[in-house]
Amino acid sequence: MTTALITGANRGLGRHFAAELLARGATVYAAARDPQTLDLPGVRPVTLDITDPDAVAAAAALAGDVDLLINNAGISTGAPLLGDLDGVRAEMDVNFWGTLAMVRAFAPVLAANGGGTIVNIASALSWFSAPGAGAYAVSKAANWNMSNALRLELAAQGTQVTSVHLGLADTDMARGIQGPKTDPAVVARRTLDAVEAGDLEVVVDEWSAMVKASLAEDPRAFYDRFLTV
């Protein structure tokens, strides 16, 4: 039986991961900065801000039976790289440094429980950028390659590291953005099925698959849609 901890579990993708895992019979630690916002019966609430080292250490001490860590917590400020650096730093602090802090704290827990699995929620924006998504794209690119590096560093203890990439999901973060959106319940199911199958990367939708394939081509073919000169 899996015992999972999910960051950002109070809404969006995180809540759907928690619901799907409960339906599969797992024990679920649901982490959020404000545990009073957790409204899913059956979870074990955890107070957690992943940018707070003391809170991360406390979560690892509390959830010592975890064998699945889902690093779902993330932010999108819309900050451009040449704008206010506070927004850029905030994205990196959560999407990269906070995620890495969780892995560093829980790697010994996973090792003690047989190796387990880490799931890092990245993005199709790990592989491209678009106007209004500069800082977010950089942070998710770092998140993706962090997964690649951690996969190698944690191989000796038998920990699987899976990176998840998607375009728009129908969550609060994507509210107001136009375009096709994937049901977050579908994202959770596909990801957990892929984890059970031992997959190292999950490309959730056709848009993300197209973006990944474009990396082998001339970048102008992709970026001409954005370039004005």
Protein backbone atom coordinates (compact mmCIF):
# COMPACT_ATOMS: atom_id res chain seq x y z
CA MET A 1 0.00 0.00 0.00
CA THR A 2 1.40 3.38 -1.02
CA THR A 3 1.84 6.20 1.46
CA ALA A 4 2.12 9.53 -0.33
CA LEU A 5 2.79 13.14 0.52
CA ILE A 6 1.52 15.78 -1.91
CA THR A 7 2.52 19.43 -1.77
CA GLY A 8 -0.04 22.03 -2.74
CA ALA A 9 -2.78 19.49 -2.09
CA ASN A 10 -5.54 21.94 -1.18
CA ARG A 11 -6.59 22.73 -4.77
CA GLY A 12 -5.89 22.18 -8.45
CA LEU A 13 -3.76 19.26 -9.51
CA GLY A 14 -2.68 18.52 -5.96
CA ARG A 15 -6.22 17.95 -4.75
CA HIS A 16 -6.93 15.66 -7.70
CA PHE A 17 -3.77 13.64 -6.98
CA ALA A 18 -4.92 13.24 -3.40
CA ALA A 19 -8.41 12.14 -4.45
CA GLU A 20 -7.08 9.64 -6.98
CA LEU A 21 -4.61 8.16 -4.52
CA LEU A 22 -7.31 7.79 -1.87
CA ALA A 23 -9.48 6.02 -4.43
CA ARG A 24 -6.59 3.62 -5.07
CA GLY A 25 -6.32 2.80 -1.38
CA ALA A 26 -3.28 4.90 -0.51
CA THR A 27 -2.56 6.76 2.69
CA VAL A 28 -2.26 10.44 1.79
CA TYR A 29 -0.52 13.28 3.60
CA ALA A 30 -2.01 16.44 2.08
CA ALA A 31 0.31 19.41 2.52
CA ALA A 32 -0.68 23.06 2.23
CA ARG A 33 0.44 26.36 3.69
CA ASP A 34 -2.97 26.65 5.35
CA PRO A 35 -4.30 23.19 6.27
CA GLN A 36 -7.75 24.68 6.92
CA THR A 37 -8.13 24.95 3.13
CA LEU A 38 -7.95 21.16 2.82
CA ASP A 39 -11.47 19.86 2.26
CA LEU A 40 -10.88 16.29 1.12
CA PRO A 41 -12.06 13.69 3.65
CA GLY A 42 -9.57 10.96 4.47
CA VAL A 43 -6.30 12.87 4.04
CA ARG A 44 -3.79 13.59 6.78
CA PRO A 45 -3.29 17.39 6.84
CA VAL A 46 0.24 18.78 6.94
CA THR A 47 1.12 22.45 7.37
CA LEU A 48 3.86 23.15 4.85
CA ASP A 49 5.44 26.06 3.02
CA ILE A 50 8.12 24.45 0.85
CA THR A 51 10.23 27.62 0.94
CA ASP A 52 10.52 27.34 4.76
CA PRO A 53 13.39 24.98 5.70
CA ASP A 54 12.02 24.34 9.19
CA ALA A 55 8.58 23.46 7.82
CA VAL A 56 10.12 21.09 5.27
CA ALA A 57 12.17 19.35 7.96
CA ALA A 58 9.10 19.04 10.19
CA ALA A 59 7.09 17.49 7.35
CA ALA A 60 9.79 14.89 6.71
CA ALA A 61 9.90 14.04 10.41
CA LEU A 62 6.11 13.75 10.58
CA ALA A 63 5.62 11.67 7.43
CA GLY A 64 8.31 9.08 8.01
CA ASP A 65 6.36 6.31 6.28
CA VAL A 66 6.15 8.00 2.86
CA ASP A 67 7.18 6.05 -0.24
CA LEU A 68 5.70 8.46 -2.82
CA LEU A 69 6.51 12.17 -2.84
CA ILE A 70 4.55 14.33 -5.29
CA ASN A 71 6.10 17.77 -5.64
CA ASN A 72 3.08 19.61 -6.99
CA ALA A 73 3.31 23.00 -5.27
CA GLY A 74 4.19 25.78 -7.69
CA ILE A 75 3.52 29.41 -8.54
CA SER A 76 3.21 31.51 -11.68
CA THR A 77 3.72 35.27 -11.29
CA GLY A 78 3.84 36.23 -14.96
CA ALA A 79 7.18 37.93 -14.31
CA PRO A 80 9.42 38.67 -17.30
CA LEU A 81 13.15 38.13 -16.83
CA LEU A 82 13.90 41.80 -17.55
CA GLY A 83 11.23 43.09 -15.18
CA ASP A 84 10.96 43.07 -11.40
CA LEU A 85 13.39 40.46 -10.08
CA ASP A 86 11.21 39.78 -7.03
CA GLY A 87 8.78 37.82 -9.22
CA VAL A 88 11.59 35.91 -10.89
CA ARG A 89 13.12 34.99 -7.55
CA ALA A 90 9.74 33.95 -6.17
CA GLU A 91 9.22 31.50 -9.04
CA MET A 92 12.67 29.98 -8.61
CA ASP A 93 12.25 29.83 -4.83
CA VAL A 94 9.10 27.71 -5.14
CA ASN A 95 9.38 25.85 -8.44
CA PHE A 96 13.07 24.96 -8.15
CA TRP A 97 14.55 25.59 -4.70
CA GLY A 98 11.45 24.58 -2.76
CA THR A 99 11.06 21.40 -4.78
CA LEU A 100 14.74 20.56 -4.29
CA ALA A 101 14.40 21.19 -0.55
CA MET A 102 11.58 18.64 -0.42
CA VAL A 103 13.65 16.06 -2.26
CA ARG A 104 16.66 16.59 -0.03
CA ALA A 105 14.50 16.20 3.10
CA PHE A 106 12.56 13.15 1.89
CA ALA A 107 15.32 11.23 0.09
CA PRO A 108 16.41 9.55 3.36
CA VAL A 109 12.77 8.78 4.18
CA LEU A 110 12.27 7.12 0.81
CA ALA A 111 15.52 5.18 1.17
CA ALA A 112 14.43 3.87 4.55
CA ASN A 113 11.14 2.74 3.01
CA GLY A 114 12.64 0.80 0.13
CA GLY A 115 13.44 3.54 -2.40
CA GLY A 116 10.02 4.78 -3.45
CA THR A 117 9.20 7.38 -6.06
CA ILE A 118 9.45 11.14 -6.50
CA VAL A 119 7.09 12.87 -8.93
CA ASN A 120 7.99 16.41 -9.95
CA ILE A 121 5.25 18.39 -11.69
CA ALA A 122 7.00 20.32 -14.45
CA SER A 123 5.36 21.74 -17.58
CA ALA A 124 5.43 21.91 -21.36
CA LEU A 125 7.07 25.25 -20.56
CA SER A 126 10.11 23.28 -19.45
CA TRP A 127 10.85 23.07 -23.17
CA PHE A 128 9.86 26.48 -24.54
CA SER A 129 8.93 29.99 -23.51
CA ALA A 130 6.16 32.37 -24.49
CA PRO A 131 5.36 36.02 -23.83
CA GLY A 132 4.34 36.49 -20.21
CA ALA A 133 5.89 33.22 -19.07
CA GLY A 134 9.59 34.05 -18.91
CA ALA A 135 10.30 33.38 -15.24
CA TYR A 136 7.90 30.44 -15.09
CA ALA A 137 9.49 28.78 -18.12
CA VAL A 138 12.98 29.16 -16.68
CA SER A 139 11.92 27.75 -13.33
CA LYS A 140 10.21 24.76 -14.94
CA ALA A 141 13.19 24.11 -17.22
CA ALA A 142 15.31 23.98 -14.07
CA ASN A 143 12.72 21.70 -12.46
CA TRP A 144 12.87 19.30 -15.43
CA ASN A 145 16.64 19.01 -15.52
CA MET A 146 16.67 18.74 -11.73
CA SER A 147 14.61 15.59 -12.16
CA ASN A 148 17.14 14.25 -14.65
CA ALA A 149 20.02 14.91 -12.25
CA LEU A 150 18.19 13.54 -9.21
CA ARG A 151 17.31 10.38 -11.14
CA LEU A 152 21.04 9.66 -11.41
CA GLU A 153 21.91 10.69 -7.86
CA LEU A 154 19.11 8.63 -6.29
CA ALA A 155 19.48 5.54 -8.47
CA ALA A 156 21.71 3.79 -5.94
CA GLN A 157 18.97 3.89 -3.28
CA GLY A 158 16.35 2.62 -5.74
CA THR A 159 14.30 5.81 -5.97
CA GLN A 160 12.40 6.42 -9.20
CA VAL A 161 12.17 10.07 -10.31
CA THR A 162 9.35 10.92 -12.72
CA SER A 163 8.91 14.31 -14.40
CA VAL A 164 5.41 15.36 -15.53
CA HIS A 165 4.81 17.75 -18.44
CA LEU A 166 1.53 19.27 -19.53
CA GLY A 167 0.09 22.34 -21.16
CA LEU A 168 -2.98 23.93 -19.60
CA ALA A 169 -4.94 22.08 -16.96
CA ASP A 170 -8.38 23.30 -15.93
CA THR A 171 -7.27 24.72 -12.57
CA ASP A 172 -7.19 28.09 -10.82
CA MET A 173 -3.68 28.78 -12.15
CA ALA A 174 -4.95 28.61 -15.73
CA ARG A 175 -8.09 30.64 -15.09
CA GLY A 176 -8.32 33.45 -17.62
CA ILE A 177 -5.91 31.80 -20.07
CA GLN A 178 -7.47 30.85 -23.37
CA GLY A 179 -6.86 27.46 -24.95
CA PRO A 180 -7.67 23.77 -24.58
CA LYS A 181 -7.42 22.58 -20.99
CA THR A 182 -6.95 19.07 -19.69
CA ASP A 183 -9.16 17.80 -16.88
CA PRO A 184 -6.87 17.69 -13.81
CA ALA A 185 -8.38 14.34 -12.84
CA VAL A 186 -7.06 12.97 -16.14
CA VAL A 187 -3.60 14.38 -15.37
CA ALA A 188 -3.60 12.62 -11.99
CA ARG A 189 -4.73 9.29 -13.42
CA ARG A 190 -2.26 9.31 -16.30
CA THR A 191 0.59 10.29 -14.02
CA LEU A 192 -0.10 7.63 -11.40
CA ASP A 193 -0.56 4.97 -14.08
CA ALA A 194 2.81 5.99 -15.54
CA VAL A 195 4.46 5.85 -12.12
CA GLU A 196 3.12 2.34 -11.59
CA ALA A 197 4.50 1.38 -15.00
CA GLY A 198 7.94 2.73 -14.07
CA ASP A 199 7.91 5.59 -16.59
CA LEU A 200 10.50 8.31 -16.03
CA GLU A 201 8.64 11.03 -17.91
CA VAL A 202 4.95 11.72 -18.45
CA VAL A 203 3.92 13.82 -21.45
CA VAL A 204 0.26 14.38 -20.68
CA ASP A 205 -1.17 16.00 -23.80
CA GLU A 206 -0.62 16.46 -27.53
CA TRP A 207 0.55 20.06 -27.15
CA SER A 208 3.35 19.00 -24.80
CA ALA A 209 4.33 16.17 -27.14
CA MET A 210 4.51 18.65 -30.05
CA VAL A 211 6.67 21.05 -28.04
CA LYS A 212 9.06 18.30 -27.03
CA ALA A 213 9.36 17.07 -30.62
CA SER A 214 10.10 20.63 -31.81
CA LEU A 215 13.34 20.66 -29.83
CA ALA A 216 14.96 18.58 -32.56
CA GLU A 217 14.04 21.17 -35.20
CA ASP A 218 15.23 24.69 -36.10
CA PRO A 219 13.97 26.87 -33.22
CA ARG A 220 12.82 29.54 -35.69
CA ALA A 221 10.11 27.18 -36.91
CA PHE A 222 8.62 27.26 -33.41
CA TYR A 223 9.37 30.84 -32.32
CA ASP A 224 8.32 32.65 -35.50
CA ARG A 225 4.80 32.72 -34.04
CA PHE A 226 6.08 34.97 -31.24
CA LEU A 227 8.86 37.00 -32.89
CA THR A 228 7.95 40.41 -34.25
CA VAL A 229 11.28 41.25 -35.94
